[in-house]
Amino acid sequence: MEQVKRIDPATAHQKTESGEALLVCAYDNDQKCRELHLKGSINLTELQSKLATIPKDKEIIFYCK
C-alpha cells in the first residue's frame, strides 16, 4: 500500500485554488464536516456522488483537524 503523502496548508491551498486538486473533509460525519469546513472543500458524501465525473488524474487532498 502506498504511503500517505502529507503536504503543508499553503501547498494545499494553492493546489485547490488553481483547480489542480480537490479538497475533501476526511470525516464521515456531516455535522463534523460543517463545523470544520474549509473554503472550497466538499465532504465525503459529495465526493462519492462525484466520483464518476472526477478525472482519474485529479489530485484529491483529504484534511482533518
PDB file of N, CA and C in Angstrom:
ATOM      1  N   MET A   1       0.848  -1.179   0.000  1.00  0.00           N
ATOM      2  CA  MET A   1       0.000   0.000   0.000  1.00  0.00           C
ATOM      3  C   MET A   1       0.890   1.238   0.000  1.00  0.00           C
ATOM      4  N   GLU A   2       0.468   2.242  -0.736  1.00  0.00           N
ATOM      5  CA  GLU A   2       1.247   3.464  -0.869  1.00  0.00           C
ATOM      6  C   GLU A   2       1.161   4.311   0.398  1.00  0.00           C
ATOM      7  N   GLN A   3       2.258   4.903   0.762  1.00  0.00           N
ATOM      8  CA  GLN A   3       2.350   5.801   1.922  1.00  0.00           C
ATOM      9  C   GLN A   3       1.536   7.072   1.652  1.00  0.00           C
ATOM     10  N   VAL A   4       0.881   7.581   2.673  1.00  0.00           N
ATOM     11  CA  VAL A   4       0.138   8.839   2.538  1.00  0.00           C
ATOM     12  C   VAL A   4       1.144   9.979   2.482  1.00  0.00           C
ATOM     13  N   LYS A   5       1.000  10.822   1.479  1.00  0.00           N
ATOM     14  CA  LYS A   5       1.892  11.971   1.329  1.00  0.00           C
ATOM     15  C   LYS A   5       1.257  13.161   2.036  1.00  0.00           C
ATOM     16  N   ARG A   6       1.981  13.768   2.938  1.00  0.00           N
ATOM     17  CA  ARG A   6       1.497  14.944   3.657  1.00  0.00           C
ATOM     18  C   ARG A   6       2.034  16.201   2.982  1.00  0.00           C
ATOM     19  N   ILE A   7       1.170  17.208   2.906  1.00  0.00           N
ATOM     20  CA  ILE A   7       1.595  18.494   2.358  1.00  0.00           C
ATOM     21  C   ILE A   7       1.194  19.585   3.336  1.00  0.00           C
ATOM     22  N   ASP A   8       1.845  20.725   3.223  1.00  0.00           N
ATOM     23  CA  ASP A   8       1.547  21.829   4.135  1.00  0.00           C
ATOM     24  C   ASP A   8       0.287  22.561   3.671  1.00  0.00           C
ATOM     25  N   PRO A   9      -0.360  23.288   4.573  1.00  0.00           N
ATOM     26  CA  PRO A   9      -1.598  24.001   4.232  1.00  0.00           C
ATOM     27  C   PRO A   9      -1.457  24.974   3.060  1.00  0.00           C
ATOM     28  N   ALA A  10      -0.329  25.649   2.964  1.00  0.00           N
ATOM     29  CA  ALA A  10      -0.138  26.611   1.872  1.00  0.00           C
ATOM     30  C   ALA A  10      -0.142  25.909   0.512  1.00  0.00           C
ATOM     31  N   THR A  11       0.497  24.757   0.439  1.00  0.00           N
ATOM     32  CA  THR A  11       0.522  23.992  -0.806  1.00  0.00           C
ATOM     33  C   THR A  11      -0.874  23.479  -1.144  1.00  0.00           C
ATOM     34  N   ALA A  12      -1.585  22.981  -0.142  1.00  0.00           N
ATOM     35  CA  ALA A  12      -2.957  22.501  -0.357  1.00  0.00           C
ATOM     36  C   ALA A  12      -3.837  23.639  -0.875  1.00  0.00           C
ATOM     37  N   HIS A  13      -3.695  24.795  -0.270  1.00  0.00           N
ATOM     38  CA  HIS A  13      -4.484  25.955  -0.684  1.00  0.00           C
ATOM     39  C   HIS A  13      -4.180  26.327  -2.131  1.00  0.00           C
ATOM     40  N   GLN A  14      -2.919  26.387  -2.476  1.00  0.00           N
ATOM     41  CA  GLN A  14      -2.509  26.747  -3.845  1.00  0.00           C
ATOM     42  C   GLN A  14      -3.064  25.739  -4.852  1.00  0.00           C
ATOM     43  N   LYS A  15      -2.965  24.459  -4.538  1.00  0.00           N
ATOM     44  CA  LYS A  15      -3.427  23.422  -5.463  1.00  0.00           C
ATOM     45  C   LYS A  15      -4.943  23.449  -5.643  1.00  0.00           C
ATOM     46  N   THR A  16      -5.678  23.703  -4.573  1.00  0.00           N
ATOM     47  CA  THR A  16      -7.138  23.732  -4.695  1.00  0.00           C
ATOM     48  C   THR A  16      -7.607  25.019  -5.378  1.00  0.00           C
ATOM     49  N   GLU A  17      -6.965  26.126  -5.072  1.00  0.00           N
ATOM     50  CA  GLU A  17      -7.333  27.404  -5.714  1.00  0.00           C
ATOM     51  C   GLU A  17      -7.072  27.374  -7.215  1.00  0.00           C
ATOM     52  N   SER A  18      -6.015  26.696  -7.629  1.00  0.00           N
ATOM     53  CA  SER A  18      -5.666  26.640  -9.053  1.00  0.00           C
ATOM     54  C   SER A  18      -6.488  25.589  -9.804  1.00  0.00           C
ATOM     55  N   GLY A  19      -7.233  24.759  -9.068  1.00  0.00           N
ATOM     56  CA  GLY A  19      -8.026  23.711  -9.702  1.00  0.00           C
ATOM     57  C   GLY A  19      -7.256  22.426  -9.929  1.00  0.00           C
ATOM     58  N   GLU A  20      -6.020  22.398  -9.470  1.00  0.00           N
ATOM     59  CA  GLU A  20      -5.169  21.221  -9.640  1.00  0.00           C
ATOM     60  C   GLU A  20      -5.627  20.064  -8.743  1.00  0.00           C
ATOM     61  N   ALA A  21      -6.259  20.393  -7.616  1.00  0.00           N
ATOM     62  CA  ALA A  21      -6.657  19.367  -6.652  1.00  0.00           C
ATOM     63  C   ALA A  21      -8.039  19.668  -6.096  1.00  0.00           C
ATOM     64  N   LEU A  22      -8.644  18.630  -5.549  1.00  0.00           N
ATOM     65  CA  LEU A  22      -9.947  18.722  -4.914  1.00  0.00           C
ATOM     66  C   LEU A  22      -9.736  18.549  -3.415  1.00  0.00           C
ATOM     67  N   LEU A  23     -10.310  19.435  -2.615  1.00  0.00           N
ATOM     68  CA  LEU A  23     -10.149  19.399  -1.158  1.00  0.00           C
ATOM     69  C   LEU A  23     -11.368  18.719  -0.543  1.00  0.00           C
ATOM     70  N   VAL A  24     -11.116  17.676   0.263  1.00  0.00           N
ATOM     71  CA  VAL A  24     -12.195  16.875   0.836  1.00  0.00           C
ATOM     72  C   VAL A  24     -12.005  16.728   2.340  1.00  0.00           C
ATOM     73  N   CYS A  25     -13.068  17.019   3.089  1.00  0.00           N
ATOM     74  CA  CYS A  25     -13.061  16.793   4.537  1.00  0.00           C
ATOM     75  C   CYS A  25     -13.080  15.286   4.768  1.00  0.00           C
ATOM     76  N   ALA A  26     -12.146  14.776   5.547  1.00  0.00           N
ATOM     77  CA  ALA A  26     -11.969  13.334   5.719  1.00  0.00           C
ATOM     78  C   ALA A  26     -12.925  12.700   6.721  1.00  0.00           C
ATOM     79  N   TYR A  27     -13.752  13.478   7.385  1.00  0.00           N
ATOM     80  CA  TYR A  27     -14.684  12.917   8.358  1.00  0.00           C
ATOM     81  C   TYR A  27     -15.939  12.407   7.673  1.00  0.00           C
ATOM     82  N   ASP A  28     -16.450  11.260   8.133  1.00  0.00           N
ATOM     83  CA  ASP A  28     -17.683  10.721   7.550  1.00  0.00           C
ATOM     84  C   ASP A  28     -18.929  11.222   8.271  1.00  0.00           C
ATOM     85  N   ASN A  29     -18.752  12.155   9.184  1.00  0.00           N
ATOM     86  CA  ASN A  29     -19.853  12.755   9.929  1.00  0.00           C
ATOM     87  C   ASN A  29     -20.132  14.135   9.339  1.00  0.00           C
ATOM     88  N   ASP A  30     -21.316  14.304   8.741  1.00  0.00           N
ATOM     89  CA  ASP A  30     -21.643  15.570   8.075  1.00  0.00           C
ATOM     90  C   ASP A  30     -21.612  16.760   9.029  1.00  0.00           C
ATOM     91  N   GLN A  31     -22.050  16.555  10.272  1.00  0.00           N
ATOM     92  CA  GLN A  31     -22.043  17.635  11.260  1.00  0.00           C
ATOM     93  C   GLN A  31     -20.604  18.099  11.529  1.00  0.00           C
ATOM     94  N   LYS A  32     -19.705  17.145  11.693  1.00  0.00           N
ATOM     95  CA  LYS A  32     -18.298  17.486  11.951  1.00  0.00           C
ATOM     96  C   LYS A  32     -17.704  18.219  10.742  1.00  0.00           C
ATOM     97  N   CYS A  33     -18.059  17.798   9.546  1.00  0.00           N
ATOM     98  CA  CYS A  33     -17.569  18.476   8.334  1.00  0.00           C
ATOM     99  C   CYS A  33     -18.069  19.910   8.277  1.00  0.00           C
ATOM    100  N   ARG A  34     -19.322  20.126   8.666  1.00  0.00           N
ATOM    101  CA  ARG A  34     -19.843  21.503   8.667  1.00  0.00           C
ATOM    102  C   ARG A  34     -19.071  22.360   9.676  1.00  0.00           C
ATOM    103  N   GLU A  35     -18.743  21.784  10.820  1.00  0.00           N
ATOM    104  CA  GLU A  35     -18.006  22.519  11.858  1.00  0.00           C
ATOM    105  C   GLU A  35     -16.581  22.846  11.414  1.00  0.00           C
ATOM    106  N   LEU A  36     -15.978  21.960  10.646  1.00  0.00           N
ATOM    107  CA  LEU A  36     -14.572  22.106  10.257  1.00  0.00           C
ATOM    108  C   LEU A  36     -14.402  22.510   8.788  1.00  0.00           C
ATOM    109  N   HIS A  37     -15.462  23.005   8.181  1.00  0.00           N
ATOM    110  CA  HIS A  37     -15.449  23.333   6.755  1.00  0.00           C
ATOM    111  C   HIS A  37     -14.351  24.340   6.405  1.00  0.00           C
ATOM    112  N   LEU A  38     -13.618  24.016   5.348  1.00  0.00           N
ATOM    113  CA  LEU A  38     -12.635  24.934   4.778  1.00  0.00           C
ATOM    114  C   LEU A  38     -13.163  25.412   3.433  1.00  0.00           C
ATOM    115  N   LYS A  39     -12.907  26.651   3.112  1.00  0.00           N
ATOM    116  CA  LYS A  39     -13.381  27.243   1.856  1.00  0.00           C
ATOM    117  C   LYS A  39     -13.008  26.356   0.662  1.00  0.00           C
ATOM    118  N   GLY A  40     -13.999  26.050  -0.141  1.00  0.00           N
ATOM    119  CA  GLY A  40     -13.766  25.268  -1.352  1.00  0.00           C
ATOM    120  C   GLY A  40     -13.768  23.768  -1.165  1.00  0.00           C
ATOM    121  N   SER A  41     -13.959  23.303   0.062  1.00  0.00           N
ATOM    122  CA  SER A  41     -13.914  21.863   0.298  1.00  0.00           C
ATOM    123  C   SER A  41     -15.286  21.230   0.116  1.00  0.00           C
ATOM    124  N   ILE A  42     -15.278  19.900  -0.064  1.00  0.00           N
ATOM    125  CA  ILE A  42     -16.506  19.124  -0.107  1.00  0.00           C
ATOM    126  C   ILE A  42     -16.395  18.034   0.955  1.00  0.00           C
ATOM    127  N   ASN A  43     -17.524  17.400   1.281  1.00  0.00           N
ATOM    128  CA  ASN A  43     -17.470  16.311   2.262  1.00  0.00           C
ATOM    129  C   ASN A  43     -17.428  14.965   1.539  1.00  0.00           C
ATOM    130  N   LEU A  44     -17.294  13.881   2.310  1.00  0.00           N
ATOM    131  CA  LEU A  44     -17.164  12.549   1.714  1.00  0.00           C
ATOM    132  C   LEU A  44     -18.398  12.150   0.910  1.00  0.00           C
ATOM    133  N   THR A  45     -19.573  12.543   1.376  1.00  0.00           N
ATOM    134  CA  THR A  45     -20.804  12.227   0.651  1.00  0.00           C
ATOM    135  C   THR A  45     -20.785  12.867  -0.732  1.00  0.00           C
ATOM    136  N   GLU A  46     -20.373  14.128  -0.795  1.00  0.00           N
ATOM    137  CA  GLU A  46     -20.276  14.817  -2.084  1.00  0.00           C
ATOM    138  C   GLU A  46     -19.234  14.160  -2.980  1.00  0.00           C
ATOM    139  N   LEU A  47     -18.109  13.769  -2.387  1.00  0.00           N
ATOM    140  CA  LEU A  47     -17.063  13.103  -3.162  1.00  0.00           C
ATOM    141  C   LEU A  47     -17.602  11.826  -3.789  1.00  0.00           C
ATOM    142  N   GLN A  48     -18.306  11.015  -3.004  1.00  0.00           N
ATOM    143  CA  GLN A  48     -18.858   9.760  -3.515  1.00  0.00           C
ATOM    144  C   GLN A  48     -19.822  10.006  -4.669  1.00  0.00           C
ATOM    145  N   SER A  49     -20.621  11.068  -4.577  1.00  0.00           N
ATOM    146  CA  SER A  49     -21.581  11.340  -5.644  1.00  0.00           C
ATOM    147  C   SER A  49     -20.910  11.879  -6.908  1.00  0.00           C
ATOM    148  N   LYS A  50     -19.697  12.407  -6.783  1.00  0.00           N
ATOM    149  CA  LYS A  50     -18.980  12.986  -7.927  1.00  0.00           C
ATOM    150  C   LYS A  50     -17.899  12.070  -8.500  1.00  0.00           C
ATOM    151  N   LEU A  51     -17.670  10.914  -7.892  1.00  0.00           N
ATOM    152  CA  LEU A  51     -16.556  10.058  -8.302  1.00  0.00           C
ATOM    153  C   LEU A  51     -16.538   9.758  -9.797  1.00  0.00           C
ATOM    154  N   ALA A  52     -17.682   9.506 -10.374  1.00  0.00           N
ATOM    155  CA  ALA A  52     -17.732   9.150 -11.799  1.00  0.00           C
ATOM    156  C   ALA A  52     -17.317  10.305 -12.705  1.00  0.00           C
ATOM    157  N   THR A  53     -17.411  11.533 -12.208  1.00  0.00           N
ATOM    158  CA  THR A  53     -17.108  12.698 -13.047  1.00  0.00           C
ATOM    159  C   THR A  53     -15.737  13.319 -12.764  1.00  0.00           C
ATOM    160  N   ILE A  54     -15.063  12.841 -11.747  1.00  0.00           N
ATOM    161  CA  ILE A  54     -13.744  13.388 -11.398  1.00  0.00           C
ATOM    162  C   ILE A  54     -12.687  12.716 -12.275  1.00  0.00           C
ATOM    163  N   PRO A  55     -11.878  13.511 -12.967  1.00  0.00           N
ATOM    164  CA  PRO A  55     -10.814  12.926 -13.792  1.00  0.00           C
ATOM    165  C   PRO A  55      -9.890  12.044 -12.944  1.00  0.00           C
ATOM    166  N   LYS A  56      -9.455  10.936 -13.520  1.00  0.00           N
ATOM    167  CA  LYS A  56      -8.610   9.970 -12.803  1.00  0.00           C
ATOM    168  C   LYS A  56      -7.278  10.564 -12.366  1.00  0.00           C
ATOM    169  N   ASP A  57      -6.810  11.597 -13.052  1.00  0.00           N
ATOM    170  CA  ASP A  57      -5.524  12.194 -12.698  1.00  0.00           C
ATOM    171  C   ASP A  57      -5.667  13.393 -11.755  1.00  0.00           C
ATOM    172  N   LYS A  58      -6.885  13.700 -11.319  1.00  0.00           N
ATOM    173  CA  LYS A  58      -7.122  14.823 -10.407  1.00  0.00           C
ATOM    174  C   LYS A  58      -6.629  14.442  -9.007  1.00  0.00           C
ATOM    175  N   GLU A  59      -5.802  15.279  -8.446  1.00  0.00           N
ATOM    176  CA  GLU A  59      -5.312  15.038  -7.092  1.00  0.00           C
ATOM    177  C   GLU A  59      -6.440  15.330  -6.088  1.00  0.00           C
ATOM    178  N   ILE A  60      -6.579  14.464  -5.093  1.00  0.00           N
ATOM    179  CA  ILE A  60      -7.575  14.663  -4.045  1.00  0.00           C
ATOM    180  C   ILE A  60      -6.828  14.817  -2.736  1.00  0.00           C
ATOM    181  N   ILE A  61      -7.085  15.943  -2.074  1.00  0.00           N
ATOM    182  CA  ILE A  61      -6.437  16.236  -0.798  1.00  0.00           C
ATOM    183  C   ILE A  61      -7.484  16.081   0.302  1.00  0.00           C
ATOM    184  N   PHE A  62      -7.237  15.170   1.228  1.00  0.00           N
ATOM    185  CA  PHE A  62      -8.118  14.977   2.375  1.00  0.00           C
ATOM    186  C   PHE A  62      -7.547  15.741   3.551  1.00  0.00           C
ATOM    187  N   TYR A  63      -8.428  16.350   4.337  1.00  0.00           N
ATOM    188  CA  TYR A  63      -7.960  17.057   5.537  1.00  0.00           C
ATOM    189  C   TYR A  63      -8.802  16.673   6.726  1.00  0.00           C
ATOM    190  N   CYS A  64      -8.192  16.787   7.892  1.00  0.00           N
ATOM    191  CA  CYS A  64      -8.885  16.649   9.168  1.00  0.00           C
ATOM    192  C   CYS A  64      -8.145  17.539  10.162  1.00  0.00           C
ATOM    193  N   LYS A  65      -8.835  17.904  11.208  1.00  0.00           N
ATOM    194  CA  LYS A  65      -8.223  18.792  12.206  1.00  0.00           C
ATOM    195  C   LYS A  65      -8.111  18.085  13.522  1.00  0.00           C
TER     196      LYS A  65
END
